Amino acid sequence: MRAAGPEVADTARLAAESMLTWLREFDGYRGLLVFADPENGIARIMTLWDSSEDLERSARGRTQVRESMVAAAGAEIESVERYELVLDDRV
């Protein structure tokens, strides 16, 4: 997501918070992470899922939610990417 410079963190947080109610309704949803780089006006919003099957089943609904919430926040989506978690060292 790209938004105006230093405000990108607030914009990303607001967009993500507005998606939470919707995301929690999807089977397999396990969490949300928001990263911001205010110097470059870029943020990354990452959702976590139980399985790739859960991710696929929710794809259409997530697209609709993501596009409406990001537009309402005054930002733009640069890309949507999918990754497989291969190591989790959170304590």
N, C-alpha and C. Protein backbone atom coordinates (compact mmCIF):
# COMPACT_ATOMS: atom_id res chain seq x y z
N MET A 1 0.85 -1.16 0.00
CA MET A 1 0.00 0.00 0.00
C MET A 1 0.90 1.22 0.00
N ARG A 2 0.49 2.22 -0.73
CA ARG A 2 1.24 3.48 -0.77
C ARG A 2 0.29 4.60 -0.36
N ALA A 3 0.81 5.49 0.50
CA ALA A 3 0.02 6.64 0.96
C ALA A 3 0.99 7.79 1.18
N ALA A 4 0.46 8.92 1.57
CA ALA A 4 1.27 10.12 1.76
C ALA A 4 2.29 9.93 2.87
N GLY A 5 3.56 10.09 2.55
CA GLY A 5 4.72 10.06 3.43
C GLY A 5 4.52 9.61 4.85
N PRO A 6 4.79 10.50 5.81
CA PRO A 6 4.76 10.13 7.22
C PRO A 6 3.39 9.63 7.70
N GLU A 7 2.34 10.00 7.01
CA GLU A 7 0.99 9.57 7.41
C GLU A 7 0.71 8.12 7.05
N VAL A 8 1.61 7.47 6.31
CA VAL A 8 1.35 6.11 5.85
C VAL A 8 1.09 5.15 7.02
N ALA A 9 1.77 5.33 8.14
CA ALA A 9 1.56 4.43 9.28
C ALA A 9 0.13 4.55 9.80
N ASP A 10 -0.35 5.78 9.97
CA ASP A 10 -1.72 5.97 10.45
C ASP A 10 -2.73 5.47 9.43
N THR A 11 -2.47 5.75 8.15
CA THR A 11 -3.38 5.31 7.09
C THR A 11 -3.45 3.79 7.06
N ALA A 12 -2.31 3.13 7.13
CA ALA A 12 -2.28 1.66 7.10
C ALA A 12 -2.98 1.08 8.33
N ARG A 13 -2.73 1.66 9.49
CA ARG A 13 -3.37 1.19 10.72
C ARG A 13 -4.88 1.32 10.63
N LEU A 14 -5.35 2.48 10.17
CA LEU A 14 -6.80 2.70 10.04
C LEU A 14 -7.42 1.74 9.03
N ALA A 15 -6.75 1.55 7.90
CA ALA A 15 -7.27 0.62 6.88
C ALA A 15 -7.34 -0.80 7.45
N ALA A 16 -6.28 -1.22 8.12
CA ALA A 16 -6.25 -2.57 8.69
C ALA A 16 -7.29 -2.74 9.78
N GLU A 17 -7.41 -1.76 10.67
CA GLU A 17 -8.40 -1.85 11.73
C GLU A 17 -9.81 -1.95 11.17
N SER A 18 -10.07 -1.24 10.08
CA SER A 18 -11.41 -1.30 9.49
C SER A 18 -11.68 -2.65 8.81
N MET A 19 -10.63 -3.40 8.49
CA MET A 19 -10.81 -4.72 7.87
C MET A 19 -10.98 -5.82 8.90
N LEU A 20 -10.61 -5.57 10.14
CA LEU A 20 -10.60 -6.64 11.14
C LEU A 20 -11.94 -7.33 11.33
N THR A 21 -13.01 -6.59 11.45
CA THR A 21 -14.32 -7.21 11.65
C THR A 21 -14.64 -8.17 10.52
N TRP A 22 -14.36 -7.75 9.29
CA TRP A 22 -14.62 -8.60 8.12
C TRP A 22 -13.72 -9.82 8.12
N LEU A 23 -12.44 -9.61 8.34
CA LEU A 23 -11.48 -10.72 8.29
C LEU A 23 -11.81 -11.79 9.31
N ARG A 24 -12.22 -11.38 10.49
CA ARG A 24 -12.51 -12.35 11.56
C ARG A 24 -13.68 -13.25 11.22
N GLU A 25 -14.47 -12.91 10.22
CA GLU A 25 -15.59 -13.74 9.81
C GLU A 25 -15.17 -14.87 8.89
N PHE A 26 -13.98 -14.81 8.32
CA PHE A 26 -13.51 -15.85 7.40
C PHE A 26 -12.94 -17.04 8.16
N ASP A 27 -13.34 -18.26 7.75
CA ASP A 27 -12.77 -19.46 8.33
C ASP A 27 -11.27 -19.51 8.03
N GLY A 28 -10.49 -19.84 9.03
CA GLY A 28 -9.06 -20.00 8.85
C GLY A 28 -8.25 -18.75 9.07
N TYR A 29 -8.89 -17.60 9.27
CA TYR A 29 -8.16 -16.36 9.52
C TYR A 29 -7.47 -16.46 10.88
N ARG A 30 -6.19 -16.10 10.94
CA ARG A 30 -5.42 -16.23 12.17
C ARG A 30 -4.72 -14.96 12.63
N GLY A 31 -4.77 -13.89 11.87
CA GLY A 31 -4.15 -12.68 12.37
C GLY A 31 -3.77 -11.70 11.28
N LEU A 32 -3.33 -10.53 11.72
CA LEU A 32 -3.01 -9.43 10.82
C LEU A 32 -1.76 -8.73 11.34
N LEU A 33 -0.83 -8.44 10.45
CA LEU A 33 0.37 -7.68 10.77
C LEU A 33 0.42 -6.46 9.86
N VAL A 34 0.83 -5.32 10.41
CA VAL A 34 0.93 -4.09 9.63
C VAL A 34 2.34 -3.52 9.81
N PHE A 35 3.03 -3.30 8.69
CA PHE A 35 4.37 -2.73 8.69
C PHE A 35 4.32 -1.42 7.92
N ALA A 36 5.05 -0.40 8.39
CA ALA A 36 5.05 0.89 7.70
C ALA A 36 6.47 1.42 7.54
N ASP A 37 6.70 2.08 6.41
CA ASP A 37 7.96 2.76 6.12
C ASP A 37 7.61 4.22 5.80
N PRO A 38 7.50 5.07 6.82
CA PRO A 38 7.08 6.46 6.61
C PRO A 38 8.00 7.25 5.69
N GLU A 39 9.28 6.95 5.70
CA GLU A 39 10.21 7.69 4.83
C GLU A 39 9.87 7.52 3.35
N ASN A 40 9.39 6.33 2.99
CA ASN A 40 9.08 6.06 1.59
C ASN A 40 7.58 6.03 1.30
N GLY A 41 6.75 6.23 2.33
CA GLY A 41 5.30 6.25 2.13
C GLY A 41 4.72 4.89 1.75
N ILE A 42 5.33 3.82 2.27
CA ILE A 42 4.90 2.47 1.92
C ILE A 42 4.50 1.72 3.18
N ALA A 43 3.45 0.91 3.08
CA ALA A 43 3.06 0.03 4.18
C ALA A 43 2.73 -1.34 3.60
N ARG A 44 2.91 -2.34 4.42
CA ARG A 44 2.55 -3.71 4.06
C ARG A 44 1.57 -4.21 5.10
N ILE A 45 0.47 -4.76 4.62
CA ILE A 45 -0.52 -5.37 5.50
C ILE A 45 -0.53 -6.85 5.16
N MET A 46 -0.25 -7.67 6.17
CA MET A 46 -0.13 -9.10 5.96
C MET A 46 -1.18 -9.84 6.78
N THR A 47 -1.94 -10.69 6.15
CA THR A 47 -2.90 -11.52 6.87
C THR A 47 -2.32 -12.92 7.00
N LEU A 48 -2.67 -13.59 8.09
CA LEU A 48 -2.20 -14.95 8.37
C LEU A 48 -3.38 -15.90 8.34
N TRP A 49 -3.15 -17.09 7.74
CA TRP A 49 -4.22 -18.07 7.54
C TRP A 49 -3.77 -19.45 7.97
N ASP A 50 -4.72 -20.29 8.38
CA ASP A 50 -4.41 -21.66 8.77
C ASP A 50 -3.82 -22.45 7.61
N SER A 51 -4.38 -22.26 6.42
CA SER A 51 -3.95 -23.06 5.28
C SER A 51 -4.14 -22.30 3.98
N SER A 52 -3.50 -22.78 2.94
CA SER A 52 -3.68 -22.18 1.62
C SER A 52 -5.12 -22.37 1.13
N GLU A 53 -5.77 -23.44 1.57
CA GLU A 53 -7.16 -23.67 1.20
C GLU A 53 -8.06 -22.59 1.80
N ASP A 54 -7.81 -22.25 3.06
CA ASP A 54 -8.59 -21.16 3.70
C ASP A 54 -8.35 -19.85 2.98
N LEU A 55 -7.12 -19.60 2.60
CA LEU A 55 -6.78 -18.38 1.87
C LEU A 55 -7.54 -18.33 0.54
N GLU A 56 -7.56 -19.44 -0.18
CA GLU A 56 -8.25 -19.48 -1.48
C GLU A 56 -9.76 -19.30 -1.32
N ARG A 57 -10.34 -19.96 -0.32
CA ARG A 57 -11.80 -19.85 -0.12
C ARG A 57 -12.22 -18.42 0.19
N SER A 58 -11.36 -17.67 0.83
CA SER A 58 -11.71 -16.32 1.23
C SER A 58 -11.31 -15.26 0.20
N ALA A 59 -10.68 -15.67 -0.89
CA ALA A 59 -10.08 -14.72 -1.85
C ALA A 59 -11.06 -13.66 -2.36
N ARG A 60 -12.21 -14.06 -2.81
CA ARG A 60 -13.16 -13.09 -3.39
C ARG A 60 -13.62 -12.07 -2.35
N GLY A 61 -14.00 -12.55 -1.19
CA GLY A 61 -14.46 -11.64 -0.13
C GLY A 61 -13.35 -10.72 0.35
N ARG A 62 -12.13 -11.25 0.49
CA ARG A 62 -11.02 -10.42 0.93
C ARG A 62 -10.70 -9.34 -0.09
N THR A 63 -10.80 -9.66 -1.37
CA THR A 63 -10.54 -8.66 -2.41
C THR A 63 -11.51 -7.50 -2.29
N GLN A 64 -12.78 -7.81 -2.12
CA GLN A 64 -13.79 -6.77 -2.00
C GLN A 64 -13.55 -5.90 -0.77
N VAL A 65 -13.27 -6.53 0.36
CA VAL A 65 -13.02 -5.80 1.60
C VAL A 65 -11.77 -4.94 1.46
N ARG A 66 -10.69 -5.54 0.96
CA ARG A 66 -9.42 -4.83 0.83
C ARG A 66 -9.56 -3.60 -0.05
N GLU A 67 -10.18 -3.74 -1.20
CA GLU A 67 -10.30 -2.62 -2.13
C GLU A 67 -11.15 -1.49 -1.57
N SER A 68 -12.25 -1.82 -0.92
CA SER A 68 -13.10 -0.76 -0.38
C SER A 68 -12.45 -0.05 0.81
N MET A 69 -11.80 -0.80 1.68
CA MET A 69 -11.20 -0.19 2.86
C MET A 69 -9.96 0.64 2.51
N VAL A 70 -9.14 0.18 1.60
CA VAL A 70 -7.95 0.94 1.21
C VAL A 70 -8.36 2.21 0.48
N ALA A 71 -9.37 2.13 -0.37
CA ALA A 71 -9.85 3.32 -1.07
C ALA A 71 -10.40 4.34 -0.08
N ALA A 72 -11.13 3.86 0.92
CA ALA A 72 -11.69 4.76 1.93
C ALA A 72 -10.58 5.43 2.74
N ALA A 73 -9.44 4.76 2.87
CA ALA A 73 -8.32 5.33 3.62
C ALA A 73 -7.50 6.30 2.77
N GLY A 74 -7.82 6.41 1.49
CA GLY A 74 -7.10 7.33 0.62
C GLY A 74 -5.74 6.83 0.19
N ALA A 75 -5.59 5.50 0.11
CA ALA A 75 -4.31 4.91 -0.29
C ALA A 75 -4.52 4.13 -1.58
N GLU A 76 -3.46 3.50 -2.05
CA GLU A 76 -3.58 2.64 -3.23
C GLU A 76 -2.84 1.35 -2.99
N ILE A 77 -3.34 0.27 -3.59
CA ILE A 77 -2.71 -1.04 -3.49
C ILE A 77 -1.70 -1.16 -4.61
N GLU A 78 -0.46 -1.43 -4.26
CA GLU A 78 0.57 -1.61 -5.28
C GLU A 78 0.64 -3.05 -5.74
N SER A 79 0.45 -4.00 -4.83
CA SER A 79 0.49 -5.41 -5.22
C SER A 79 -0.15 -6.25 -4.14
N VAL A 80 -0.55 -7.44 -4.52
CA VAL A 80 -1.06 -8.44 -3.60
C VAL A 80 -0.23 -9.69 -3.87
N GLU A 81 0.42 -10.17 -2.84
CA GLU A 81 1.32 -11.31 -3.00
C GLU A 81 0.98 -12.38 -1.98
N ARG A 82 1.38 -13.60 -2.29
CA ARG A 82 1.10 -14.73 -1.43
C ARG A 82 2.43 -15.40 -1.07
N TYR A 83 2.60 -15.68 0.22
CA TYR A 83 3.82 -16.32 0.71
C TYR A 83 3.46 -17.50 1.60
N GLU A 84 4.33 -18.48 1.65
CA GLU A 84 4.19 -19.60 2.57
C GLU A 84 5.17 -19.37 3.72
N LEU A 85 4.67 -19.51 4.93
CA LEU A 85 5.52 -19.34 6.12
C LEU A 85 6.41 -20.58 6.24
N VAL A 86 7.71 -20.36 6.25
CA VAL A 86 8.64 -21.49 6.37
C VAL A 86 9.40 -21.49 7.69
N LEU A 87 9.34 -20.39 8.44
CA LEU A 87 9.96 -20.35 9.77
C LEU A 87 9.25 -19.28 10.60
N ASP A 88 8.90 -19.64 11.82
CA ASP A 88 8.27 -18.70 12.74
C ASP A 88 9.03 -18.78 14.06
N ASP A 89 9.80 -17.76 14.38
CA ASP A 89 10.61 -17.75 15.59
C ASP A 89 10.10 -16.72 16.59
N ARG A 90 8.80 -16.46 16.57
CA ARG A 90 8.24 -15.56 17.58
C ARG A 90 8.28 -16.25 18.92
N VAL A 91 8.61 -15.50 19.93
CA VAL A 91 8.71 -16.08 21.28
C VAL A 91 7.49 -15.70 22.07
